[in-house]
Amino acid sequence: MNGLALRPTLEQFKRAHRLMGIASLEAVRLIHVRAADMTADGCPVKNAEERPMPTTAAALIPHTNRFRVIFGHVIHGKRETTGDTEIQVDASFELRYSYPLDTQPVPTPDELQAFADTNALMNCWPYWRELVQSTVTRMNLPPITVPLLRYVPPPPEAKAEEAAQTGG
């Protein structure tokens, strides 16, 4: 598989850049997981919408030099011959980061979200891949190999401006 492409905009990269240089990942914690054989008779799980990329949400942890990112994603395994959904796995992880106590100014909500949508997503992806692989294997169902997540850097400013003007 070629993998998924994480393509941050130049603006996202600029907003996330300061935190990329100072944030330290302290913990990754699974906070929700659900897996289902969607073809099993009486399966109570409703079909969750699969999105091309995970969702992320970031927030400061009050009165600390820490912040958290919630990463959520859904994947469906499909039988190649029929296209029917066989397997659904959805999960959420909490990633906790710290930054130096003397950081000024304190990270803004825009910086935190840009970091979540770029760096934190890359940090969590291996945990997501392993969760899907091991969960589906434990269900004795056909394996799902989650594609790699590849970082595609934003174009330099001049090229970004030119692309925006030409629509490409």
N, C-alpha and C. Protein backbone atom coordinates (compact mmCIF):
# COMPACT_ATOMS: atom_id res chain seq x y z
N MET A 1 0.85 -1.19 0.00
CA MET A 1 0.00 0.00 0.00
C MET A 1 0.88 1.24 0.00
N ASN A 2 0.42 2.28 -0.66
CA ASN A 2 1.16 3.53 -0.69
C ASN A 2 1.04 4.32 0.60
N GLY A 3 -0.03 4.13 1.34
CA GLY A 3 -0.22 4.85 2.59
C GLY A 3 -1.09 6.07 2.41
N LEU A 4 -1.36 6.68 3.53
CA LEU A 4 -2.13 7.93 3.57
C LEU A 4 -1.16 9.09 3.60
N ALA A 5 -1.55 10.19 3.02
CA ALA A 5 -0.68 11.36 2.98
C ALA A 5 -1.20 12.42 3.95
N LEU A 6 -0.36 12.79 4.89
CA LEU A 6 -0.64 13.91 5.79
C LEU A 6 -0.06 15.14 5.12
N ARG A 7 -0.93 16.01 4.66
CA ARG A 7 -0.51 17.19 3.90
C ARG A 7 -0.90 18.47 4.63
N PRO A 8 -0.10 18.88 5.60
CA PRO A 8 -0.45 20.11 6.30
C PRO A 8 -0.28 21.31 5.38
N THR A 9 -1.08 22.30 5.63
CA THR A 9 -0.91 23.56 4.90
C THR A 9 0.31 24.28 5.48
N LEU A 10 0.81 25.23 4.75
CA LEU A 10 1.93 26.02 5.23
C LEU A 10 1.52 26.75 6.51
N GLU A 11 0.29 27.22 6.56
CA GLU A 11 -0.20 27.92 7.75
C GLU A 11 -0.25 26.98 8.96
N GLN A 12 -0.74 25.75 8.78
CA GLN A 12 -0.75 24.78 9.88
C GLN A 12 0.67 24.52 10.37
N PHE A 13 1.57 24.32 9.44
CA PHE A 13 2.96 24.06 9.81
C PHE A 13 3.54 25.22 10.61
N LYS A 14 3.29 26.43 10.18
CA LYS A 14 3.81 27.60 10.90
C LYS A 14 3.24 27.68 12.31
N ARG A 15 1.93 27.41 12.45
CA ARG A 15 1.30 27.47 13.78
C ARG A 15 1.82 26.36 14.69
N ALA A 16 2.12 25.20 14.14
CA ALA A 16 2.56 24.05 14.94
C ALA A 16 4.06 24.07 15.22
N HIS A 17 4.81 24.82 14.46
CA HIS A 17 6.27 24.74 14.47
C HIS A 17 6.88 24.94 15.86
N ARG A 18 6.45 25.93 16.62
CA ARG A 18 7.02 26.20 17.94
C ARG A 18 6.85 24.98 18.85
N LEU A 19 5.64 24.40 18.87
CA LEU A 19 5.41 23.23 19.73
C LEU A 19 6.17 22.01 19.25
N MET A 20 6.35 21.88 17.94
CA MET A 20 7.13 20.75 17.41
C MET A 20 8.53 20.73 18.00
N GLY A 21 9.07 21.90 18.29
CA GLY A 21 10.43 21.99 18.81
C GLY A 21 10.54 21.85 20.31
N ILE A 22 9.43 22.03 21.05
CA ILE A 22 9.55 22.04 22.52
C ILE A 22 8.69 21.00 23.23
N ALA A 23 7.70 20.44 22.57
CA ALA A 23 6.78 19.51 23.24
C ALA A 23 7.43 18.13 23.39
N SER A 24 7.14 17.50 24.52
CA SER A 24 7.60 16.14 24.80
C SER A 24 6.39 15.25 25.04
N LEU A 25 6.36 14.12 24.35
CA LEU A 25 5.28 13.16 24.55
C LEU A 25 5.52 12.42 25.85
N GLU A 26 4.56 12.50 26.77
CA GLU A 26 4.71 11.85 28.07
C GLU A 26 3.95 10.53 28.17
N ALA A 27 2.80 10.45 27.51
CA ALA A 27 1.98 9.24 27.65
C ALA A 27 1.02 9.11 26.48
N VAL A 28 0.73 7.87 26.13
CA VAL A 28 -0.31 7.54 25.16
C VAL A 28 -1.22 6.54 25.86
N ARG A 29 -2.50 6.88 25.90
CA ARG A 29 -3.44 6.04 26.62
C ARG A 29 -4.65 5.77 25.75
N LEU A 30 -5.02 4.50 25.63
CA LEU A 30 -6.24 4.11 24.93
C LEU A 30 -7.43 4.46 25.83
N ILE A 31 -8.35 5.27 25.34
CA ILE A 31 -9.49 5.66 26.18
C ILE A 31 -10.82 5.11 25.67
N HIS A 32 -10.83 4.58 24.47
CA HIS A 32 -12.05 3.99 23.92
C HIS A 32 -11.66 3.05 22.79
N VAL A 33 -12.29 1.89 22.77
CA VAL A 33 -12.09 1.00 21.63
C VAL A 33 -13.35 0.17 21.46
N ARG A 34 -13.69 -0.07 20.21
CA ARG A 34 -14.82 -0.94 19.88
C ARG A 34 -14.48 -1.61 18.57
N ALA A 35 -14.67 -2.91 18.56
CA ALA A 35 -14.42 -3.67 17.33
C ALA A 35 -15.61 -4.59 17.12
N ALA A 36 -15.99 -4.77 15.86
CA ALA A 36 -17.17 -5.58 15.58
C ALA A 36 -17.01 -6.35 14.29
N ASP A 37 -17.55 -7.56 14.30
CA ASP A 37 -17.74 -8.33 13.08
C ASP A 37 -19.12 -7.92 12.59
N MET A 38 -19.16 -7.02 11.65
CA MET A 38 -20.42 -6.42 11.21
C MET A 38 -21.34 -7.41 10.49
N THR A 39 -20.80 -8.57 10.09
CA THR A 39 -21.63 -9.55 9.39
C THR A 39 -22.19 -10.60 10.35
N ALA A 40 -21.81 -10.54 11.62
CA ALA A 40 -22.30 -11.51 12.60
C ALA A 40 -23.79 -11.30 12.85
N ASP A 41 -24.55 -12.37 12.89
CA ASP A 41 -25.98 -12.28 13.19
C ASP A 41 -26.19 -11.58 14.53
N GLY A 42 -27.04 -10.59 14.53
CA GLY A 42 -27.38 -9.88 15.76
C GLY A 42 -26.32 -8.90 16.24
N CYS A 43 -25.35 -8.56 15.41
CA CYS A 43 -24.31 -7.62 15.81
C CYS A 43 -24.97 -6.30 16.23
N PRO A 44 -24.77 -5.84 17.47
CA PRO A 44 -25.45 -4.64 17.95
C PRO A 44 -24.77 -3.34 17.54
N VAL A 45 -23.61 -3.41 16.92
CA VAL A 45 -22.84 -2.21 16.59
C VAL A 45 -23.37 -1.57 15.33
N LYS A 46 -23.60 -0.27 15.40
CA LYS A 46 -24.04 0.48 14.22
C LYS A 46 -22.81 0.89 13.42
N ASN A 47 -23.00 1.00 12.12
CA ASN A 47 -21.93 1.37 11.22
C ASN A 47 -21.50 2.81 11.51
N ALA A 48 -20.24 3.00 11.89
CA ALA A 48 -19.69 4.33 12.13
C ALA A 48 -19.09 4.84 10.82
N GLU A 49 -19.16 6.14 10.64
CA GLU A 49 -18.64 6.74 9.42
C GLU A 49 -17.11 6.67 9.41
N GLU A 50 -16.57 6.14 8.33
CA GLU A 50 -15.13 6.10 8.16
C GLU A 50 -14.71 7.38 7.47
N ARG A 51 -13.70 8.03 8.01
CA ARG A 51 -13.17 9.27 7.42
C ARG A 51 -11.78 8.99 6.86
N PRO A 52 -11.35 9.80 5.92
CA PRO A 52 -10.03 9.55 5.34
C PRO A 52 -8.89 9.77 6.34
N MET A 53 -9.08 10.69 7.28
CA MET A 53 -8.04 10.98 8.27
C MET A 53 -8.66 10.99 9.66
N PRO A 54 -7.86 10.70 10.68
CA PRO A 54 -8.36 10.73 12.05
C PRO A 54 -8.80 12.14 12.46
N THR A 55 -9.60 12.19 13.52
CA THR A 55 -9.96 13.46 14.12
C THR A 55 -9.03 13.72 15.30
N THR A 56 -8.76 14.97 15.56
CA THR A 56 -7.94 15.34 16.71
C THR A 56 -8.56 16.55 17.39
N ALA A 57 -8.36 16.63 18.69
CA ALA A 57 -8.77 17.80 19.47
C ALA A 57 -7.72 18.01 20.55
N ALA A 58 -7.30 19.25 20.74
CA ALA A 58 -6.23 19.56 21.68
C ALA A 58 -6.69 20.59 22.69
N ALA A 59 -6.16 20.48 23.91
CA ALA A 59 -6.49 21.45 24.96
C ALA A 59 -5.40 21.46 26.01
N LEU A 60 -5.17 22.63 26.57
CA LEU A 60 -4.25 22.75 27.69
C LEU A 60 -4.83 22.03 28.90
N ILE A 61 -3.99 21.50 29.74
CA ILE A 61 -4.41 20.94 31.03
C ILE A 61 -4.21 22.07 32.02
N PRO A 62 -5.29 22.60 32.60
CA PRO A 62 -5.20 23.80 33.44
C PRO A 62 -4.17 23.67 34.58
N HIS A 63 -3.50 24.78 34.83
CA HIS A 63 -2.57 24.93 35.94
C HIS A 63 -1.35 24.02 35.83
N THR A 64 -0.99 23.64 34.59
CA THR A 64 0.18 22.80 34.36
C THR A 64 0.91 23.30 33.12
N ASN A 65 2.03 22.70 32.84
CA ASN A 65 2.74 22.95 31.57
C ASN A 65 2.51 21.77 30.63
N ARG A 66 1.26 21.30 30.60
CA ARG A 66 0.91 20.12 29.80
C ARG A 66 -0.32 20.40 28.94
N PHE A 67 -0.45 19.58 27.91
CA PHE A 67 -1.66 19.61 27.10
C PHE A 67 -1.96 18.20 26.65
N ARG A 68 -3.19 18.00 26.24
CA ARG A 68 -3.61 16.67 25.78
C ARG A 68 -4.20 16.78 24.39
N VAL A 69 -4.05 15.71 23.66
CA VAL A 69 -4.63 15.59 22.33
C VAL A 69 -5.46 14.31 22.33
N ILE A 70 -6.70 14.42 21.88
CA ILE A 70 -7.55 13.25 21.70
C ILE A 70 -7.55 12.92 20.22
N PHE A 71 -7.16 11.69 19.91
CA PHE A 71 -7.07 11.17 18.54
C PHE A 71 -8.18 10.14 18.40
N GLY A 72 -9.00 10.25 17.38
CA GLY A 72 -10.05 9.27 17.14
C GLY A 72 -10.07 8.85 15.69
N HIS A 73 -10.37 7.56 15.46
CA HIS A 73 -10.42 7.09 14.08
C HIS A 73 -11.30 5.85 13.98
N VAL A 74 -11.79 5.60 12.77
CA VAL A 74 -12.62 4.43 12.45
C VAL A 74 -12.06 3.81 11.18
N ILE A 75 -12.01 2.48 11.16
CA ILE A 75 -11.60 1.79 9.94
C ILE A 75 -12.58 0.65 9.69
N HIS A 76 -12.85 0.40 8.44
CA HIS A 76 -13.69 -0.73 8.03
C HIS A 76 -12.85 -1.69 7.21
N GLY A 77 -13.00 -2.97 7.49
CA GLY A 77 -12.40 -4.00 6.64
C GLY A 77 -13.48 -4.50 5.70
N LYS A 78 -13.15 -4.61 4.44
CA LYS A 78 -14.15 -5.02 3.44
C LYS A 78 -13.67 -6.28 2.73
N ARG A 79 -14.61 -7.14 2.42
CA ARG A 79 -14.31 -8.33 1.62
C ARG A 79 -14.12 -7.87 0.18
N GLU A 80 -13.03 -8.23 -0.40
CA GLU A 80 -12.71 -7.74 -1.75
C GLU A 80 -13.73 -8.19 -2.79
N THR A 81 -14.27 -9.39 -2.66
CA THR A 81 -15.17 -9.90 -3.70
C THR A 81 -16.54 -9.24 -3.66
N THR A 82 -17.02 -8.87 -2.46
CA THR A 82 -18.37 -8.31 -2.39
C THR A 82 -18.40 -6.84 -2.02
N GLY A 83 -17.33 -6.36 -1.36
CA GLY A 83 -17.33 -4.98 -0.89
C GLY A 83 -18.10 -4.79 0.40
N ASP A 84 -18.63 -5.88 0.97
CA ASP A 84 -19.37 -5.77 2.23
C ASP A 84 -18.42 -5.46 3.38
N THR A 85 -18.89 -4.63 4.30
CA THR A 85 -18.11 -4.37 5.50
C THR A 85 -18.14 -5.61 6.37
N GLU A 86 -16.99 -6.10 6.75
CA GLU A 86 -16.90 -7.23 7.65
C GLU A 86 -16.48 -6.80 9.04
N ILE A 87 -15.52 -5.92 9.12
CA ILE A 87 -14.91 -5.54 10.38
C ILE A 87 -14.98 -4.03 10.53
N GLN A 88 -15.28 -3.61 11.74
CA GLN A 88 -15.21 -2.18 12.05
C GLN A 88 -14.44 -2.05 13.35
N VAL A 89 -13.45 -1.17 13.34
CA VAL A 89 -12.71 -0.85 14.56
C VAL A 89 -12.73 0.66 14.71
N ASP A 90 -13.15 1.11 15.88
CA ASP A 90 -13.05 2.54 16.17
C ASP A 90 -12.45 2.70 17.55
N ALA A 91 -11.62 3.71 17.69
CA ALA A 91 -10.90 3.90 18.94
C ALA A 91 -10.52 5.36 19.12
N SER A 92 -10.24 5.69 20.37
CA SER A 92 -9.74 7.01 20.73
C SER A 92 -8.55 6.84 21.66
N PHE A 93 -7.56 7.65 21.45
CA PHE A 93 -6.38 7.68 22.29
C PHE A 93 -6.23 9.08 22.89
N GLU A 94 -5.67 9.13 24.08
CA GLU A 94 -5.29 10.41 24.67
C GLU A 94 -3.76 10.45 24.67
N LEU A 95 -3.22 11.50 24.08
CA LEU A 95 -1.78 11.73 24.10
C LEU A 95 -1.54 12.91 25.03
N ARG A 96 -0.63 12.75 25.98
CA ARG A 96 -0.30 13.84 26.90
C ARG A 96 1.11 14.33 26.60
N TYR A 97 1.21 15.64 26.47
CA TYR A 97 2.49 16.29 26.17
C TYR A 97 2.80 17.30 27.26
N SER A 98 4.09 17.61 27.40
CA SER A 98 4.51 18.70 28.26
C SER A 98 5.38 19.64 27.43
N TYR A 99 5.55 20.84 27.94
CA TYR A 99 6.44 21.82 27.33
C TYR A 99 7.19 22.50 28.47
N PRO A 100 8.33 23.13 28.22
CA PRO A 100 9.12 23.73 29.29
C PRO A 100 8.29 24.74 30.11
N LEU A 101 8.54 24.74 31.41
CA LEU A 101 7.81 25.63 32.33
C LEU A 101 7.95 27.10 31.97
N ASP A 102 9.10 27.48 31.42
CA ASP A 102 9.35 28.88 31.12
C ASP A 102 8.86 29.31 29.74
N THR A 103 8.07 28.47 29.08
CA THR A 103 7.56 28.79 27.74
C THR A 103 6.65 30.01 27.80
N GLN A 104 6.99 31.02 27.01
CA GLN A 104 6.17 32.23 26.90
C GLN A 104 6.07 32.62 25.44
N PRO A 105 4.92 32.94 24.95
CA PRO A 105 3.64 32.81 25.65
C PRO A 105 3.22 31.34 25.74
N VAL A 106 2.25 31.11 26.59
CA VAL A 106 1.67 29.77 26.71
C VAL A 106 1.07 29.41 25.35
N PRO A 107 1.16 28.15 24.95
CA PRO A 107 0.60 27.78 23.63
C PRO A 107 -0.88 28.18 23.49
N THR A 108 -1.19 28.69 22.32
CA THR A 108 -2.56 29.14 22.03
C THR A 108 -3.40 27.97 21.53
N PRO A 109 -4.72 28.10 21.58
CA PRO A 109 -5.57 27.04 21.03
C PRO A 109 -5.24 26.74 19.56
N ASP A 110 -4.95 27.76 18.76
CA ASP A 110 -4.60 27.53 17.35
C ASP A 110 -3.30 26.73 17.21
N GLU A 111 -2.30 27.05 18.03
CA GLU A 111 -1.05 26.29 17.99
C GLU A 111 -1.28 24.84 18.40
N LEU A 112 -2.05 24.65 19.47
CA LEU A 112 -2.31 23.30 19.95
C LEU A 112 -3.02 22.47 18.89
N GLN A 113 -4.03 23.05 18.24
CA GLN A 113 -4.78 22.29 17.24
C GLN A 113 -3.92 22.00 16.01
N ALA A 114 -3.11 22.96 15.60
CA ALA A 114 -2.21 22.72 14.46
C ALA A 114 -1.22 21.60 14.80
N PHE A 115 -0.71 21.59 16.03
CA PHE A 115 0.18 20.52 16.48
C PHE A 115 -0.55 19.19 16.49
N ALA A 116 -1.78 19.18 16.97
CA ALA A 116 -2.58 17.95 17.02
C ALA A 116 -2.80 17.39 15.62
N ASP A 117 -3.08 18.26 14.67
CA ASP A 117 -3.39 17.84 13.30
C ASP A 117 -2.15 17.40 12.51
N THR A 118 -0.98 17.65 13.05
CA THR A 118 0.26 17.31 12.34
C THR A 118 1.09 16.34 13.17
N ASN A 119 1.84 16.88 14.10
CA ASN A 119 2.79 16.09 14.88
C ASN A 119 2.12 15.01 15.73
N ALA A 120 1.08 15.36 16.46
CA ALA A 120 0.42 14.38 17.33
C ALA A 120 -0.20 13.26 16.51
N LEU A 121 -0.75 13.60 15.36
CA LEU A 121 -1.32 12.56 14.49
C LEU A 121 -0.24 11.56 14.07
N MET A 122 0.93 12.07 13.73
CA MET A 122 2.05 11.19 13.36
C MET A 122 2.51 10.36 14.56
N ASN A 123 2.51 10.97 15.75
CA ASN A 123 2.94 10.24 16.96
C ASN A 123 2.00 9.10 17.28
N CYS A 124 0.71 9.28 17.06
CA CYS A 124 -0.28 8.28 17.47
C CYS A 124 -0.48 7.18 16.42
N TRP A 125 -0.16 7.44 15.19
CA TRP A 125 -0.46 6.50 14.11
C TRP A 125 0.06 5.09 14.35
N PRO A 126 1.30 4.90 14.83
CA PRO A 126 1.76 3.51 15.07
C PRO A 126 0.92 2.79 16.14
N TYR A 127 0.43 3.51 17.13
CA TYR A 127 -0.42 2.90 18.15
C TYR A 127 -1.74 2.45 17.53
N TRP A 128 -2.29 3.27 16.65
CA TRP A 128 -3.54 2.95 15.94
C TRP A 128 -3.35 1.70 15.08
N ARG A 129 -2.26 1.67 14.32
CA ARG A 129 -2.00 0.53 13.44
C ARG A 129 -1.90 -0.77 14.24
N GLU A 130 -1.17 -0.73 15.35
CA GLU A 130 -1.00 -1.92 16.16
C GLU A 130 -2.32 -2.35 16.78
N LEU A 131 -3.11 -1.40 17.24
CA LEU A 131 -4.41 -1.73 17.84
C LEU A 131 -5.30 -2.45 16.83
N VAL A 132 -5.40 -1.94 15.63
CA VAL A 132 -6.24 -2.56 14.61
C VAL A 132 -5.74 -3.96 14.29
N GLN A 133 -4.44 -4.09 14.05
CA GLN A 133 -3.88 -5.39 13.68
C GLN A 133 -4.12 -6.43 14.78
N SER A 134 -3.82 -6.08 16.03
CA SER A 134 -3.94 -7.07 17.10
C SER A 134 -5.40 -7.36 17.43
N THR A 135 -6.26 -6.37 17.36
CA THR A 135 -7.67 -6.59 17.69
C THR A 135 -8.33 -7.50 16.66
N VAL A 136 -8.12 -7.24 15.40
CA VAL A 136 -8.72 -8.05 14.34
C VAL A 136 -8.17 -9.48 14.41
N THR A 137 -6.89 -9.63 14.69
CA THR A 137 -6.31 -10.97 14.84
C THR A 137 -6.98 -11.71 15.99
N ARG A 138 -7.20 -11.04 17.10
CA ARG A 138 -7.85 -11.68 18.25
C ARG A 138 -9.30 -12.07 17.96
N MET A 139 -9.90 -11.39 17.00
CA MET A 139 -11.28 -11.71 16.61
C MET A 139 -11.33 -12.88 15.64
N ASN A 140 -10.17 -13.38 15.24
CA ASN A 140 -10.08 -14.47 14.28
C ASN A 140 -10.75 -14.10 12.95
N LEU A 141 -10.51 -12.86 12.54
CA LEU A 141 -11.07 -12.35 11.28
C LEU A 141 -9.92 -12.06 10.32
N PRO A 142 -10.24 -11.88 9.04
CA PRO A 142 -9.17 -11.57 8.08
C PRO A 142 -8.42 -10.31 8.51
N PRO A 143 -7.11 -10.35 8.46
CA PRO A 143 -6.33 -9.21 8.96
C PRO A 143 -6.53 -7.95 8.14
N ILE A 144 -6.38 -6.84 8.82
CA ILE A 144 -6.39 -5.53 8.18
C ILE A 144 -5.01 -4.94 8.41
N THR A 145 -4.34 -4.59 7.34
CA THR A 145 -3.07 -3.88 7.47
C THR A 145 -3.36 -2.41 7.23
N VAL A 146 -3.23 -1.63 8.28
CA VAL A 146 -3.48 -0.20 8.18
C VAL A 146 -2.31 0.42 7.42
N PRO A 147 -2.59 1.24 6.43
CA PRO A 147 -1.49 1.83 5.65
C PRO A 147 -0.63 2.76 6.49
N LEU A 148 0.57 2.98 6.02
CA LEU A 148 1.46 3.94 6.66
C LEU A 148 0.90 5.35 6.48
N LEU A 149 1.24 6.21 7.39
CA LEU A 149 0.89 7.62 7.29
C LEU A 149 2.16 8.35 6.90
N ARG A 150 2.14 8.96 5.74
CA ARG A 150 3.33 9.63 5.22
C ARG A 150 3.16 11.14 5.31
N TYR A 151 4.19 11.78 5.83
CA TYR A 151 4.21 13.23 5.95
C TYR A 151 4.66 13.83 4.63
N VAL A 152 3.85 14.70 4.08
CA VAL A 152 4.19 15.42 2.86
C VAL A 152 4.33 16.88 3.25
N PRO A 153 5.56 17.40 3.28
CA PRO A 153 5.76 18.78 3.76
C PRO A 153 5.04 19.79 2.88
N PRO A 154 4.63 20.89 3.50
CA PRO A 154 3.97 21.93 2.70
C PRO A 154 4.98 22.53 1.71
N PRO A 155 4.46 23.05 0.62
CA PRO A 155 5.37 23.68 -0.35
C PRO A 155 5.95 24.96 0.24
N PRO A 156 7.11 25.39 -0.25
CA PRO A 156 7.66 26.67 0.19
C PRO A 156 6.67 27.80 -0.07
N GLU A 157 6.81 28.89 0.66
CA GLU A 157 5.83 29.98 0.59
C GLU A 157 5.57 30.47 -0.83
N ALA A 158 6.61 30.67 -1.62
CA ALA A 158 6.42 31.19 -2.97
C ALA A 158 5.58 30.22 -3.79
N LYS A 159 5.87 28.92 -3.70
CA LYS A 159 5.10 27.93 -4.44
C LYS A 159 3.68 27.83 -3.90
N ALA A 160 3.52 27.99 -2.60
CA ALA A 160 2.18 27.91 -2.00
C ALA A 160 1.32 29.07 -2.51
N GLU A 161 1.88 30.26 -2.55
CA GLU A 161 1.15 31.41 -3.06
C GLU A 161 0.78 31.23 -4.52
N GLU A 162 1.73 30.73 -5.32
CA GLU A 162 1.49 30.49 -6.74
C GLU A 162 0.40 29.44 -6.93
N ALA A 163 0.45 28.36 -6.14
CA ALA A 163 -0.57 27.31 -6.24
C ALA A 163 -1.95 27.86 -5.86
N ALA A 164 -2.01 28.72 -4.87
CA ALA A 164 -3.29 29.28 -4.45
C ALA A 164 -3.85 30.19 -5.54
N GLN A 165 -2.99 30.92 -6.22
CA GLN A 165 -3.45 31.82 -7.27
C GLN A 165 -3.90 31.07 -8.52
N THR A 166 -3.26 29.95 -8.81
CA THR A 166 -3.60 29.20 -10.01
C THR A 166 -4.61 28.10 -9.75
N GLY A 167 -4.94 27.89 -8.46
CA GLY A 167 -5.90 26.86 -8.12
C GLY A 167 -5.31 25.46 -8.13
N GLY A 168 -4.01 25.31 -8.17
CA GLY A 168 -3.39 23.99 -8.23
C GLY A 168 -2.36 23.84 -7.23
